[in-house]
Amino acid sequence: MAALNDPINLDNLPWLPHELVQFAAAWRHWRGGQLLPRRNLLKLDDITSLLPRVMVLEMLSPDEALLRLVGTSYFEMFGVELTGLNFIDLAGPENRQVRSQRLWAMATLPCGSYMATADPNPTRIGNIIHSLTLPMLPAISGKPMQFFAVTFGTVPADLIDKYGLEMVESRADEFSYVDIGAGVPDGPEY
């Protein structure tokens, strides 16, 4: 897994691909004056064009992040249905503990994350894949924290470009927590 980079403030994201900036703006709108939005306040009309690239994770425990919803573009790119799988188990064995610690830290604080990595597809040299993950309270109090993640490259992807699951397993080149107003995790560099 990538080393922890400096935290990013949610209000300072204009350098990201416009799709991620659009997602962050919608998320801020949904939360209104609260720290976090509730899932029932989400308006899909705000992110219709992003839905093929949305993942929804539910943090059931420090070792289980269930993929509740995975946009259609992921199936088209990876050739595998990811919905229902544990996102932590999809990491390679050497990366699972860090993935678990980061997600659990994000769920308990709460905060978001930003990740970036070079596109491993040799036909897309120079493309950087960016992912923004933001927390959302479930519609029903007492249920586990959820995360909405959106991933886009700096160069629009042609869905004929295929990737293996090793991309889901691998580590990002960059990782930063995103401060949504509650700070970011302290402690060990994970």
C-alpha atoms as a PDB file:
ATOM      1  CA  MET A   1       0.000   0.000   0.000  1.00  0.00           C
ATOM      2  CA  ALA A   2       1.109   3.532  -0.640  1.00  0.00           C
ATOM      3  CA  ALA A   3       2.619   5.598   2.095  1.00  0.00           C
ATOM      4  CA  LEU A   4       0.292   8.019   3.778  1.00  0.00           C
ATOM      5  CA  ASN A   5       0.446  11.463   2.170  1.00  0.00           C
ATOM      6  CA  ASP A   6      -0.603  14.771   3.718  1.00  0.00           C
ATOM      7  CA  PRO A   7      -4.352  15.070   4.389  1.00  0.00           C
ATOM      8  CA  ILE A   8      -6.559  16.812   1.852  1.00  0.00           C
ATOM      9  CA  ASN A   9      -9.355  19.205   2.757  1.00  0.00           C
ATOM     10  CA  LEU A  10     -12.702  18.452   1.118  1.00  0.00           C
ATOM     11  CA  ASP A  11     -13.011  22.095   0.075  1.00  0.00           C
ATOM     12  CA  ASN A  12      -9.721  22.003  -1.864  1.00  0.00           C
ATOM     13  CA  LEU A  13     -10.233  19.448  -4.649  1.00  0.00           C
ATOM     14  CA  PRO A  14     -10.343  21.434  -7.917  1.00  0.00           C
ATOM     15  CA  TRP A  15      -7.231  19.654  -9.250  1.00  0.00           C
ATOM     16  CA  LEU A  16      -9.085  16.317  -9.443  1.00  0.00           C
ATOM     17  CA  PRO A  17     -10.856  15.050 -12.573  1.00  0.00           C
ATOM     18  CA  HIS A  18     -14.111  17.000 -12.949  1.00  0.00           C
ATOM     19  CA  GLU A  19     -16.172  13.850 -12.237  1.00  0.00           C
ATOM     20  CA  LEU A  20     -14.684  13.601  -8.745  1.00  0.00           C
ATOM     21  CA  VAL A  21     -15.201  17.318  -8.141  1.00  0.00           C
ATOM     22  CA  GLN A  22     -18.854  16.816  -9.223  1.00  0.00           C
ATOM     23  CA  PHE A  23     -19.202  13.916  -6.755  1.00  0.00           C
ATOM     24  CA  ALA A  24     -17.687  15.964  -3.906  1.00  0.00           C
ATOM     25  CA  ALA A  25     -20.048  18.871  -4.659  1.00  0.00           C
ATOM     26  CA  ALA A  26     -23.071  16.541  -4.633  1.00  0.00           C
ATOM     27  CA  TRP A  27     -21.914  14.956  -1.365  1.00  0.00           C
ATOM     28  CA  ARG A  28     -21.538  18.414   0.256  1.00  0.00           C
ATOM     29  CA  HIS A  29     -25.055  19.306  -0.972  1.00  0.00           C
ATOM     30  CA  TRP A  30     -26.527  16.099   0.495  1.00  0.00           C
ATOM     31  CA  ARG A  31     -25.001  16.699   3.897  1.00  0.00           C
ATOM     32  CA  GLY A  32     -26.342  20.245   4.176  1.00  0.00           C
ATOM     33  CA  GLY A  33     -25.189  21.620   7.524  1.00  0.00           C
ATOM     34  CA  GLN A  34     -24.357  18.189   8.973  1.00  0.00           C
ATOM     35  CA  LEU A  35     -20.958  16.505   9.135  1.00  0.00           C
ATOM     36  CA  LEU A  36     -22.253  13.539   7.109  1.00  0.00           C
ATOM     37  CA  PRO A  37     -25.220  12.997   4.812  1.00  0.00           C
ATOM     38  CA  ARG A  38     -27.683  10.199   5.481  1.00  0.00           C
ATOM     39  CA  ARG A  39     -28.167   7.663   2.715  1.00  0.00           C
ATOM     40  CA  ASN A  40     -31.863   8.532   2.384  1.00  0.00           C
ATOM     41  CA  LEU A  41     -30.888  12.137   1.491  1.00  0.00           C
ATOM     42  CA  LEU A  42     -28.846  11.023  -1.498  1.00  0.00           C
ATOM     43  CA  LYS A  43     -30.269  12.255  -4.797  1.00  0.00           C
ATOM     44  CA  LEU A  44     -29.111  10.021  -7.642  1.00  0.00           C
ATOM     45  CA  ASP A  45     -30.104  12.711 -10.131  1.00  0.00           C
ATOM     46  CA  ASP A  46     -27.106  14.691  -8.836  1.00  0.00           C
ATOM     47  CA  ILE A  47     -24.671  11.978  -9.975  1.00  0.00           C
ATOM     48  CA  THR A  48     -26.482  10.144 -12.782  1.00  0.00           C
ATOM     49  CA  SER A  49     -23.512  10.361 -15.149  1.00  0.00           C
ATOM     50  CA  LEU A  50     -21.218   8.936 -12.442  1.00  0.00           C
ATOM     51  CA  LEU A  51     -23.297   5.861 -11.500  1.00  0.00           C
ATOM     52  CA  PRO A  52     -21.394   3.364 -13.697  1.00  0.00           C
ATOM     53  CA  ARG A  53     -18.270   4.285 -11.686  1.00  0.00           C
ATOM     54  CA  VAL A  54     -19.789   4.282  -8.166  1.00  0.00           C
ATOM     55  CA  MET A  55     -18.998   1.698  -5.500  1.00  0.00           C
ATOM     56  CA  VAL A  56     -20.861   1.544  -2.199  1.00  0.00           C
ATOM     57  CA  LEU A  57     -19.080  -0.174   0.683  1.00  0.00           C
ATOM     58  CA  GLU A  58     -20.578  -0.992   4.062  1.00  0.00           C
ATOM     59  CA  MET A  59     -18.155  -1.291   6.985  1.00  0.00           C
ATOM     60  CA  LEU A  60     -19.464  -4.283   8.936  1.00  0.00           C
ATOM     61  CA  SER A  61     -16.300  -4.729  11.028  1.00  0.00           C
ATOM     62  CA  PRO A  62     -12.580  -3.877  10.869  1.00  0.00           C
ATOM     63  CA  ASP A  63     -12.086  -6.880   8.559  1.00  0.00           C
ATOM     64  CA  GLU A  64     -15.274  -6.753   6.500  1.00  0.00           C
ATOM     65  CA  ALA A  65     -16.162  -4.032   3.990  1.00  0.00           C
ATOM     66  CA  LEU A  66     -19.039  -5.432   1.980  1.00  0.00           C
ATOM     67  CA  LEU A  67     -19.406  -4.118  -1.574  1.00  0.00           C
ATOM     68  CA  ARG A  68     -23.144  -3.345  -1.569  1.00  0.00           C
ATOM     69  CA  LEU A  69     -23.244  -1.799  -5.023  1.00  0.00           C
ATOM     70  CA  VAL A  70     -20.680  -1.772  -7.808  1.00  0.00           C
ATOM     71  CA  GLY A  71     -21.287   0.247 -10.961  1.00  0.00           C
ATOM     72  CA  THR A  72     -21.549  -1.512 -14.301  1.00  0.00           C
ATOM     73  CA  SER A  73     -18.275  -0.158 -15.658  1.00  0.00           C
ATOM     74  CA  TYR A  74     -16.337  -2.244 -13.122  1.00  0.00           C
ATOM     75  CA  PHE A  75     -17.851  -5.471 -14.427  1.00  0.00           C
ATOM     76  CA  GLU A  76     -17.107  -4.378 -17.968  1.00  0.00           C
ATOM     77  CA  MET A  77     -13.475  -3.567 -17.082  1.00  0.00           C
ATOM     78  CA  PHE A  78     -12.702  -6.477 -14.749  1.00  0.00           C
ATOM     79  CA  GLY A  79     -15.015  -9.158 -16.134  1.00  0.00           C
ATOM     80  CA  VAL A  80     -16.046 -10.124 -12.580  1.00  0.00           C
ATOM     81  CA  GLU A  81     -19.095  -9.101 -10.539  1.00  0.00           C
ATOM     82  CA  LEU A  82     -17.774  -7.475  -7.362  1.00  0.00           C
ATOM     83  CA  THR A  83     -21.123  -6.786  -5.639  1.00  0.00           C
ATOM     84  CA  GLY A  84     -21.396  -8.840  -2.450  1.00  0.00           C
ATOM     85  CA  LEU A  85     -17.658  -9.378  -2.035  1.00  0.00           C
ATOM     86  CA  ASN A  86     -15.503  -8.203   0.857  1.00  0.00           C
ATOM     87  CA  PHE A  87     -13.386  -5.307  -0.458  1.00  0.00           C
ATOM     88  CA  ILE A  88     -10.690  -6.047   2.126  1.00  0.00           C
ATOM     89  CA  ASP A  89     -10.344  -9.654   0.954  1.00  0.00           C
ATOM     90  CA  LEU A  90      -9.848  -8.373  -2.600  1.00  0.00           C
ATOM     91  CA  ALA A  91      -6.534  -6.825  -1.536  1.00  0.00           C
ATOM     92  CA  GLY A  92      -3.446  -8.931  -1.952  1.00  0.00           C
ATOM     93  CA  PRO A  93      -2.366 -10.633   1.303  1.00  0.00           C
ATOM     94  CA  GLU A  94       0.437  -8.101   1.793  1.00  0.00           C
ATOM     95  CA  ASN A  95      -2.056  -5.190   1.547  1.00  0.00           C
ATOM     96  CA  ARG A  96      -5.071  -6.449   3.524  1.00  0.00           C
ATOM     97  CA  GLN A  97      -4.077  -5.181   6.947  1.00  0.00           C
ATOM     98  CA  VAL A  98      -3.405  -1.664   5.690  1.00  0.00           C
ATOM     99  CA  ARG A  99      -6.644  -1.591   3.654  1.00  0.00           C
ATOM    100  CA  SER A 100      -8.563  -2.784   6.724  1.00  0.00           C
ATOM    101  CA  GLN A 101      -6.919  -0.245   9.064  1.00  0.00           C
ATOM    102  CA  ARG A 102      -7.485   2.654   6.691  1.00  0.00           C
ATOM    103  CA  LEU A 103     -11.155   1.857   6.079  1.00  0.00           C
ATOM    104  CA  TRP A 104     -11.870   1.280   9.765  1.00  0.00           C
ATOM    105  CA  ALA A 105     -10.112   4.539  10.692  1.00  0.00           C
ATOM    106  CA  MET A 106     -12.232   6.331   8.076  1.00  0.00           C
ATOM    107  CA  ALA A 107     -15.426   4.785   9.471  1.00  0.00           C
ATOM    108  CA  THR A 108     -14.722   5.571  13.104  1.00  0.00           C
ATOM    109  CA  LEU A 109     -13.492   9.180  12.754  1.00  0.00           C
ATOM    110  CA  PRO A 110     -15.186   9.725  10.074  1.00  0.00           C
ATOM    111  CA  CYS A 111     -13.289  11.001   7.036  1.00  0.00           C
ATOM    112  CA  GLY A 112     -12.828  10.247   3.356  1.00  0.00           C
ATOM    113  CA  SER A 113      -9.890   9.208   1.212  1.00  0.00           C
ATOM    114  CA  TYR A 114      -8.217  10.014  -2.066  1.00  0.00           C
ATOM    115  CA  MET A 115      -6.101   7.523  -3.989  1.00  0.00           C
ATOM    116  CA  ALA A 116      -4.208   7.798  -7.246  1.00  0.00           C
ATOM    117  CA  THR A 117      -2.203   5.324  -9.266  1.00  0.00           C
ATOM    118  CA  ALA A 118      -0.703   5.111 -12.720  1.00  0.00           C
ATOM    119  CA  ASP A 119      -2.918   3.247 -15.169  1.00  0.00           C
ATOM    120  CA  PRO A 120      -1.409  -0.247 -15.552  1.00  0.00           C
ATOM    121  CA  ASN A 121      -2.840  -0.650 -19.065  1.00  0.00           C
ATOM    122  CA  PRO A 122       0.130  -0.290 -21.456  1.00  0.00           C
ATOM    123  CA  THR A 123      -2.101   1.396 -24.063  1.00  0.00           C
ATOM    124  CA  ARG A 124      -2.906   4.219 -21.614  1.00  0.00           C
ATOM    125  CA  ILE A 125       0.555   5.458 -20.625  1.00  0.00           C
ATOM    126  CA  GLY A 126       0.336   8.744 -18.751  1.00  0.00           C
ATOM    127  CA  ASN A 127      -3.207   8.181 -17.491  1.00  0.00           C
ATOM    128  CA  ILE A 128      -3.643   8.505 -13.722  1.00  0.00           C
ATOM    129  CA  ILE A 129      -6.556   6.729 -12.057  1.00  0.00           C
ATOM    130  CA  HIS A 130      -8.092   8.806  -9.240  1.00  0.00           C
ATOM    131  CA  SER A 131     -10.518   7.581  -6.596  1.00  0.00           C
ATOM    132  CA  LEU A 132     -12.447   9.669  -4.081  1.00  0.00           C
ATOM    133  CA  THR A 133     -14.234   7.905  -1.220  1.00  0.00           C
ATOM    134  CA  LEU A 134     -16.603   9.743   1.135  1.00  0.00           C
ATOM    135  CA  PRO A 135     -18.576   8.467   4.140  1.00  0.00           C
ATOM    136  CA  MET A 136     -22.333   8.361   4.416  1.00  0.00           C
ATOM    137  CA  LEU A 137     -24.542   7.488   7.356  1.00  0.00           C
ATOM    138  CA  PRO A 138     -27.017   4.698   6.685  1.00  0.00           C
ATOM    139  CA  ALA A 139     -30.690   5.605   6.366  1.00  0.00           C
ATOM    140  CA  ILE A 140     -31.407   3.700   9.604  1.00  0.00           C
ATOM    141  CA  SER A 141     -29.535   4.733  12.751  1.00  0.00           C
ATOM    142  CA  GLY A 142     -27.348   2.059  14.295  1.00  0.00           C
ATOM    143  CA  LYS A 143     -26.477   0.400  10.994  1.00  0.00           C
ATOM    144  CA  PRO A 144     -22.861   0.314   9.750  1.00  0.00           C
ATOM    145  CA  MET A 145     -21.129   3.286   8.127  1.00  0.00           C
ATOM    146  CA  GLN A 146     -21.185   3.325   4.352  1.00  0.00           C
ATOM    147  CA  PHE A 147     -18.743   4.754   1.832  1.00  0.00           C
ATOM    148  CA  PHE A 148     -19.415   5.966  -1.668  1.00  0.00           C
ATOM    149  CA  ALA A 149     -16.388   5.791  -3.947  1.00  0.00           C
ATOM    150  CA  VAL A 150     -16.046   7.185  -7.462  1.00  0.00           C
ATOM    151  CA  THR A 151     -13.096   6.398  -9.726  1.00  0.00           C
ATOM    152  CA  PHE A 152     -12.069   8.172 -12.933  1.00  0.00           C
ATOM    153  CA  GLY A 153      -8.907   8.586 -14.920  1.00  0.00           C
ATOM    154  CA  THR A 154      -7.384  11.799 -16.179  1.00  0.00           C
ATOM    155  CA  VAL A 155      -8.052  10.361 -19.644  1.00  0.00           C
ATOM    156  CA  PRO A 156     -11.584   9.050 -20.299  1.00  0.00           C
ATOM    157  CA  ALA A 157     -11.604   5.248 -20.339  1.00  0.00           C
ATOM    158  CA  ASP A 158     -12.733   3.303 -23.329  1.00  0.00           C
ATOM    159  CA  LEU A 159     -14.617   0.353 -21.865  1.00  0.00           C
ATOM    160  CA  ILE A 160     -12.921  -1.942 -24.339  1.00  0.00           C
ATOM    161  CA  ASP A 161      -9.851  -1.481 -22.121  1.00  0.00           C
ATOM    162  CA  LYS A 162      -9.810  -4.496 -19.818  1.00  0.00           C
ATOM    163  CA  TYR A 163      -8.067  -4.871 -16.489  1.00  0.00           C
ATOM    164  CA  GLY A 164      -7.498  -7.907 -14.358  1.00  0.00           C
ATOM    165  CA  LEU A 165      -8.543  -8.176 -10.742  1.00  0.00           C
ATOM    166  CA  GLU A 166      -4.913  -7.546  -9.834  1.00  0.00           C
ATOM    167  CA  MET A 167      -5.739  -3.853 -10.197  1.00  0.00           C
ATOM    168  CA  VAL A 168      -8.294  -4.155  -7.368  1.00  0.00           C
ATOM    169  CA  GLU A 169      -5.764  -6.151  -5.345  1.00  0.00           C
ATOM    170  CA  SER A 170      -2.868  -3.779  -5.854  1.00  0.00           C
ATOM    171  CA  ARG A 171      -1.867  -0.760  -3.882  1.00  0.00           C
ATOM    172  CA  ALA A 172      -2.401   2.823  -4.958  1.00  0.00           C
ATOM    173  CA  ASP A 173       0.679   4.922  -5.589  1.00  0.00           C
ATOM    174  CA  GLU A 174      -0.757   7.756  -3.482  1.00  0.00           C
ATOM    175  CA  PHE A 175      -3.148   7.687  -0.521  1.00  0.00           C
ATOM    176  CA  SER A 176      -4.427  10.617   1.542  1.00  0.00           C
ATOM    177  CA  TYR A 177      -7.204  10.947   4.049  1.00  0.00           C
ATOM    178  CA  VAL A 178      -9.761  13.622   3.168  1.00  0.00           C
ATOM    179  CA  ASP A 179     -10.836  15.881   6.026  1.00  0.00           C
ATOM    180  CA  ILE A 180     -14.610  16.409   5.843  1.00  0.00           C
ATOM    181  CA  GLY A 181     -14.676  18.520   9.009  1.00  0.00           C
ATOM    182  CA  ALA A 182     -13.808  16.013  11.756  1.00  0.00           C
ATOM    183  CA  GLY A 183     -10.059  15.818  11.122  1.00  0.00           C
ATOM    184  CA  VAL A 184      -8.079  12.814   9.937  1.00  0.00           C
ATOM    185  CA  PRO A 185      -6.766   9.740  11.787  1.00  0.00           C
ATOM    186  CA  ASP A 186      -3.721  10.059  14.007  1.00  0.00           C
ATOM    187  CA  GLY A 187      -1.344   7.290  14.864  1.00  0.00           C
ATOM    188  CA  PRO A 188       0.661   4.866  12.806  1.00  0.00           C
ATOM    189  CA  GLU A 189       1.264   5.540   9.145  1.00  0.00           C
ATOM    190  CA  TYR A 190      -1.550   3.571   7.636  1.00  0.00           C
END
